Amino acid sequence: MAANTAVNSQITDSVTQANTKVLGDAPAIAMGNLFQATSQALGLAALNATNAQQQSNMTAQASTTMGVTTLYSIDTATDAVGTADILDQLKK
């Protein structure tokens, strides 16, 4: 109980208890804010990792497609040269 003052002791006790509650809640609120900030940061990290993986897969797929296209185009050119040589020999 508070010391004797000109204010009613019940009012003084009420204000003191309210202030004590605020001070008591501060660590819990601070930890809640910390947990929310940490979970948001981890969520963004997972999102960035997923995005990077998707972009890497797209790049790998594009390079595979270009590699296969190059292989097929080399094969076709070789066949065309071979066919042209055979036709030239038949003409002679």
N, C-alpha and C. Protein backbone atom coordinates (compact mmCIF):
# COMPACT_ATOMS: atom_id res chain seq x y z
N MET A 1 0.83 -1.18 0.00
CA MET A 1 0.00 0.00 0.00
C MET A 1 0.88 1.25 0.00
N ALA A 2 0.41 2.28 -0.68
CA ALA A 2 1.18 3.52 -0.81
C ALA A 2 1.18 4.31 0.49
N ALA A 3 2.11 5.23 0.58
CA ALA A 3 2.19 6.09 1.77
C ALA A 3 0.98 7.02 1.81
N ASN A 4 0.66 7.53 3.01
CA ASN A 4 -0.50 8.42 3.18
C ASN A 4 -0.27 9.74 2.44
N THR A 5 -1.24 10.05 1.59
CA THR A 5 -1.20 11.31 0.83
C THR A 5 -2.58 11.93 0.89
N ALA A 6 -2.72 13.09 0.23
CA ALA A 6 -4.00 13.77 0.19
C ALA A 6 -4.97 13.04 -0.73
N VAL A 7 -4.46 12.13 -1.59
CA VAL A 7 -5.30 11.38 -2.52
C VAL A 7 -5.79 10.13 -1.81
N ASN A 8 -6.96 9.68 -2.18
CA ASN A 8 -7.52 8.47 -1.61
C ASN A 8 -6.56 7.30 -1.85
N SER A 9 -6.33 6.48 -0.84
CA SER A 9 -5.36 5.39 -0.94
C SER A 9 -5.78 4.34 -1.98
N GLN A 10 -7.07 4.17 -2.20
CA GLN A 10 -7.51 3.21 -3.22
C GLN A 10 -7.12 3.68 -4.63
N ILE A 11 -7.21 4.97 -4.86
CA ILE A 11 -6.81 5.52 -6.17
C ILE A 11 -5.31 5.35 -6.36
N THR A 12 -4.56 5.66 -5.32
CA THR A 12 -3.10 5.51 -5.39
C THR A 12 -2.73 4.06 -5.66
N ASP A 13 -3.35 3.13 -4.99
CA ASP A 13 -3.08 1.70 -5.20
C ASP A 13 -3.45 1.28 -6.62
N SER A 14 -4.55 1.79 -7.14
CA SER A 14 -5.00 1.45 -8.49
C SER A 14 -3.98 1.90 -9.53
N VAL A 15 -3.50 3.14 -9.40
CA VAL A 15 -2.51 3.67 -10.35
C VAL A 15 -1.21 2.89 -10.23
N THR A 16 -0.80 2.59 -9.02
CA THR A 16 0.44 1.83 -8.80
C THR A 16 0.34 0.45 -9.43
N GLN A 17 -0.80 -0.21 -9.25
CA GLN A 17 -0.97 -1.55 -9.81
C GLN A 17 -1.00 -1.51 -11.34
N ALA A 18 -1.62 -0.48 -11.90
CA ALA A 18 -1.65 -0.35 -13.36
C ALA A 18 -0.24 -0.16 -13.91
N ASN A 19 0.54 0.69 -13.24
CA ASN A 19 1.93 0.91 -13.67
C ASN A 19 2.75 -0.38 -13.53
N THR A 20 2.52 -1.11 -12.45
CA THR A 20 3.24 -2.37 -12.24
C THR A 20 2.88 -3.38 -13.33
N LYS A 21 1.61 -3.41 -13.72
CA LYS A 21 1.19 -4.33 -14.78
C LYS A 21 1.87 -3.99 -16.10
N VAL A 22 1.95 -2.69 -16.41
CA VAL A 22 2.61 -2.27 -17.64
C VAL A 22 4.07 -2.70 -17.62
N LEU A 23 4.73 -2.47 -16.50
CA LEU A 23 6.14 -2.87 -16.38
C LEU A 23 6.29 -4.39 -16.44
N GLY A 24 5.35 -5.11 -15.90
CA GLY A 24 5.41 -6.58 -15.92
C GLY A 24 5.16 -7.14 -17.31
N ASP A 25 4.32 -6.47 -18.08
CA ASP A 25 4.00 -6.95 -19.44
C ASP A 25 5.09 -6.62 -20.45
N ALA A 26 5.93 -5.65 -20.17
CA ALA A 26 6.93 -5.18 -21.14
C ALA A 26 7.86 -6.29 -21.64
N PRO A 27 8.43 -7.14 -20.78
CA PRO A 27 9.29 -8.20 -21.31
C PRO A 27 8.55 -9.18 -22.23
N ALA A 28 7.32 -9.52 -21.88
CA ALA A 28 6.55 -10.44 -22.72
C ALA A 28 6.24 -9.82 -24.07
N ILE A 29 5.90 -8.55 -24.08
CA ILE A 29 5.62 -7.87 -25.35
C ILE A 29 6.89 -7.77 -26.18
N ALA A 30 8.01 -7.48 -25.54
CA ALA A 30 9.28 -7.39 -26.26
C ALA A 30 9.64 -8.73 -26.88
N MET A 31 9.45 -9.82 -26.14
CA MET A 31 9.75 -11.14 -26.70
C MET A 31 8.78 -11.49 -27.83
N GLY A 32 7.52 -11.09 -27.69
CA GLY A 32 6.56 -11.31 -28.77
C GLY A 32 6.97 -10.58 -30.04
N ASN A 33 7.41 -9.33 -29.89
CA ASN A 33 7.89 -8.58 -31.05
C ASN A 33 9.12 -9.23 -31.67
N LEU A 34 10.03 -9.72 -30.83
CA LEU A 34 11.22 -10.39 -31.33
C LEU A 34 10.84 -11.65 -32.10
N PHE A 35 9.93 -12.44 -31.55
CA PHE A 35 9.52 -13.67 -32.23
C PHE A 35 8.84 -13.37 -33.56
N GLN A 36 8.01 -12.33 -33.60
CA GLN A 36 7.35 -11.97 -34.85
C GLN A 36 8.36 -11.51 -35.89
N ALA A 37 9.32 -10.69 -35.50
CA ALA A 37 10.33 -10.22 -36.44
C ALA A 37 11.19 -11.39 -36.94
N THR A 38 11.54 -12.30 -36.05
CA THR A 38 12.35 -13.46 -36.44
C THR A 38 11.58 -14.36 -37.39
N SER A 39 10.32 -14.61 -37.09
CA SER A 39 9.54 -15.48 -37.96
C SER A 39 9.30 -14.84 -39.32
N GLN A 40 9.14 -13.53 -39.37
CA GLN A 40 8.99 -12.85 -40.66
C GLN A 40 10.28 -12.94 -41.46
N ALA A 41 11.42 -12.76 -40.81
CA ALA A 41 12.70 -12.85 -41.50
C ALA A 41 12.92 -14.27 -42.03
N LEU A 42 12.59 -15.28 -41.24
CA LEU A 42 12.75 -16.66 -41.70
C LEU A 42 11.79 -16.97 -42.84
N GLY A 43 10.59 -16.43 -42.78
CA GLY A 43 9.64 -16.63 -43.88
C GLY A 43 10.15 -16.02 -45.17
N LEU A 44 10.70 -14.81 -45.09
CA LEU A 44 11.27 -14.18 -46.28
C LEU A 44 12.48 -14.94 -46.80
N ALA A 45 13.28 -15.50 -45.90
CA ALA A 45 14.43 -16.30 -46.34
C ALA A 45 13.98 -17.54 -47.09
N ALA A 46 12.93 -18.19 -46.59
CA ALA A 46 12.40 -19.37 -47.29
C ALA A 46 11.81 -18.98 -48.64
N LEU A 47 11.14 -17.84 -48.69
CA LEU A 47 10.58 -17.37 -49.95
C LEU A 47 11.69 -17.07 -50.96
N ASN A 48 12.74 -16.42 -50.52
CA ASN A 48 13.87 -16.12 -51.41
C ASN A 48 14.56 -17.39 -51.89
N ALA A 49 14.68 -18.38 -51.00
CA ALA A 49 15.32 -19.64 -51.40
C ALA A 49 14.47 -20.36 -52.44
N THR A 50 13.16 -20.36 -52.25
CA THR A 50 12.26 -20.99 -53.22
C THR A 50 12.34 -20.28 -54.57
N ASN A 51 12.35 -18.96 -54.54
CA ASN A 51 12.44 -18.19 -55.78
C ASN A 51 13.76 -18.46 -56.50
N ALA A 52 14.86 -18.51 -55.75
CA ALA A 52 16.16 -18.78 -56.36
C ALA A 52 16.19 -20.17 -56.98
N GLN A 53 15.58 -21.14 -56.31
CA GLN A 53 15.54 -22.50 -56.85
C GLN A 53 14.72 -22.55 -58.13
N GLN A 54 13.60 -21.86 -58.16
CA GLN A 54 12.78 -21.83 -59.37
C GLN A 54 13.54 -21.18 -60.52
N GLN A 55 14.22 -20.08 -60.25
CA GLN A 55 14.99 -19.42 -61.30
C GLN A 55 16.13 -20.30 -61.79
N SER A 56 16.76 -21.03 -60.89
CA SER A 56 17.84 -21.95 -61.27
C SER A 56 17.30 -23.07 -62.15
N ASN A 57 16.13 -23.58 -61.80
CA ASN A 57 15.52 -24.64 -62.61
C ASN A 57 15.16 -24.13 -64.00
N MET A 58 14.68 -22.90 -64.09
CA MET A 58 14.36 -22.32 -65.39
C MET A 58 15.62 -22.18 -66.24
N THR A 59 16.70 -21.72 -65.63
CA THR A 59 17.97 -21.57 -66.36
C THR A 59 18.49 -22.93 -66.83
N ALA A 60 18.40 -23.93 -65.95
CA ALA A 60 18.85 -25.28 -66.33
C ALA A 60 18.02 -25.84 -67.47
N GLN A 61 16.72 -25.62 -67.42
CA GLN A 61 15.85 -26.11 -68.49
C GLN A 61 16.16 -25.40 -69.81
N ALA A 62 16.40 -24.10 -69.76
CA ALA A 62 16.72 -23.36 -70.98
C ALA A 62 18.05 -23.81 -71.56
N SER A 63 19.04 -24.03 -70.71
CA SER A 63 20.34 -24.47 -71.22
C SER A 63 20.28 -25.89 -71.77
N THR A 64 19.46 -26.75 -71.15
CA THR A 64 19.27 -28.10 -71.69
C THR A 64 18.60 -28.05 -73.04
N THR A 65 17.59 -27.22 -73.18
CA THR A 65 16.90 -27.08 -74.46
C THR A 65 17.86 -26.58 -75.54
N MET A 66 18.67 -25.59 -75.21
CA MET A 66 19.63 -25.08 -76.19
C MET A 66 20.68 -26.13 -76.54
N GLY A 67 21.11 -26.92 -75.56
CA GLY A 67 22.08 -27.97 -75.83
C GLY A 67 21.53 -29.03 -76.77
N VAL A 68 20.29 -29.44 -76.52
CA VAL A 68 19.66 -30.44 -77.38
C VAL A 68 19.45 -29.87 -78.79
N THR A 69 19.03 -28.63 -78.85
CA THR A 69 18.84 -27.98 -80.16
C THR A 69 20.16 -27.93 -80.93
N THR A 70 21.24 -27.60 -80.23
CA THR A 70 22.55 -27.56 -80.88
C THR A 70 22.96 -28.94 -81.37
N LEU A 71 22.73 -29.95 -80.55
CA LEU A 71 23.07 -31.32 -80.98
C LEU A 71 22.28 -31.73 -82.21
N TYR A 72 21.00 -31.43 -82.23
CA TYR A 72 20.18 -31.78 -83.39
C TYR A 72 20.60 -30.99 -84.63
N SER A 73 20.95 -29.73 -84.46
CA SER A 73 21.34 -28.93 -85.63
C SER A 73 22.68 -29.40 -86.19
N ILE A 74 23.60 -29.82 -85.35
CA ILE A 74 24.88 -30.36 -85.83
C ILE A 74 24.63 -31.66 -86.59
N ASP A 75 23.79 -32.50 -86.07
CA ASP A 75 23.46 -33.77 -86.70
C ASP A 75 22.84 -33.53 -88.08
N THR A 76 21.93 -32.60 -88.16
CA THR A 76 21.26 -32.29 -89.42
C THR A 76 22.24 -31.75 -90.45
N ALA A 77 23.12 -30.87 -90.03
CA ALA A 77 24.11 -30.32 -90.94
C ALA A 77 25.04 -31.41 -91.44
N THR A 78 25.43 -32.32 -90.58
CA THR A 78 26.30 -33.42 -90.98
C THR A 78 25.60 -34.32 -92.00
N ASP A 79 24.34 -34.61 -91.73
CA ASP A 79 23.57 -35.42 -92.68
C ASP A 79 23.44 -34.72 -94.03
N ALA A 80 23.23 -33.43 -94.01
CA ALA A 80 23.08 -32.68 -95.26
C ALA A 80 24.37 -32.71 -96.07
N VAL A 81 25.50 -32.56 -95.40
CA VAL A 81 26.80 -32.60 -96.10
C VAL A 81 27.04 -34.00 -96.66
N GLY A 82 26.73 -35.01 -95.88
CA GLY A 82 26.89 -36.39 -96.36
C GLY A 82 26.00 -36.68 -97.54
N THR A 83 24.77 -36.24 -97.47
CA THR A 83 23.83 -36.45 -98.58
C THR A 83 24.31 -35.71 -99.82
N ALA A 84 24.80 -34.49 -99.65
CA ALA A 84 25.30 -33.72 -100.79
C ALA A 84 26.50 -34.43 -101.42
N ASP A 85 27.40 -34.99 -100.63
CA ASP A 85 28.55 -35.72 -101.17
C ASP A 85 28.11 -36.96 -101.96
N ILE A 86 27.12 -37.65 -101.42
CA ILE A 86 26.63 -38.86 -102.14
C ILE A 86 25.99 -38.46 -103.46
N LEU A 87 25.20 -37.41 -103.46
CA LEU A 87 24.56 -36.97 -104.70
C LEU A 87 25.59 -36.47 -105.71
N ASP A 88 26.63 -35.81 -105.23
CA ASP A 88 27.69 -35.36 -106.14
C ASP A 88 28.40 -36.55 -106.78
N GLN A 89 28.62 -37.59 -106.03
CA GLN A 89 29.29 -38.79 -106.58
C GLN A 89 28.40 -39.51 -107.59
N LEU A 90 27.10 -39.48 -107.36
CA LEU A 90 26.17 -40.13 -108.31
C LEU A 90 26.11 -39.39 -109.64
N LYS A 91 26.29 -38.09 -109.60
CA LYS A 91 26.26 -37.29 -110.81
C LYS A 91 27.49 -37.54 -111.70
N LYS A 92 28.60 -37.93 -111.10
CA LYS A 92 29.85 -38.12 -111.85
C LYS A 92 29.86 -39.40 -112.57
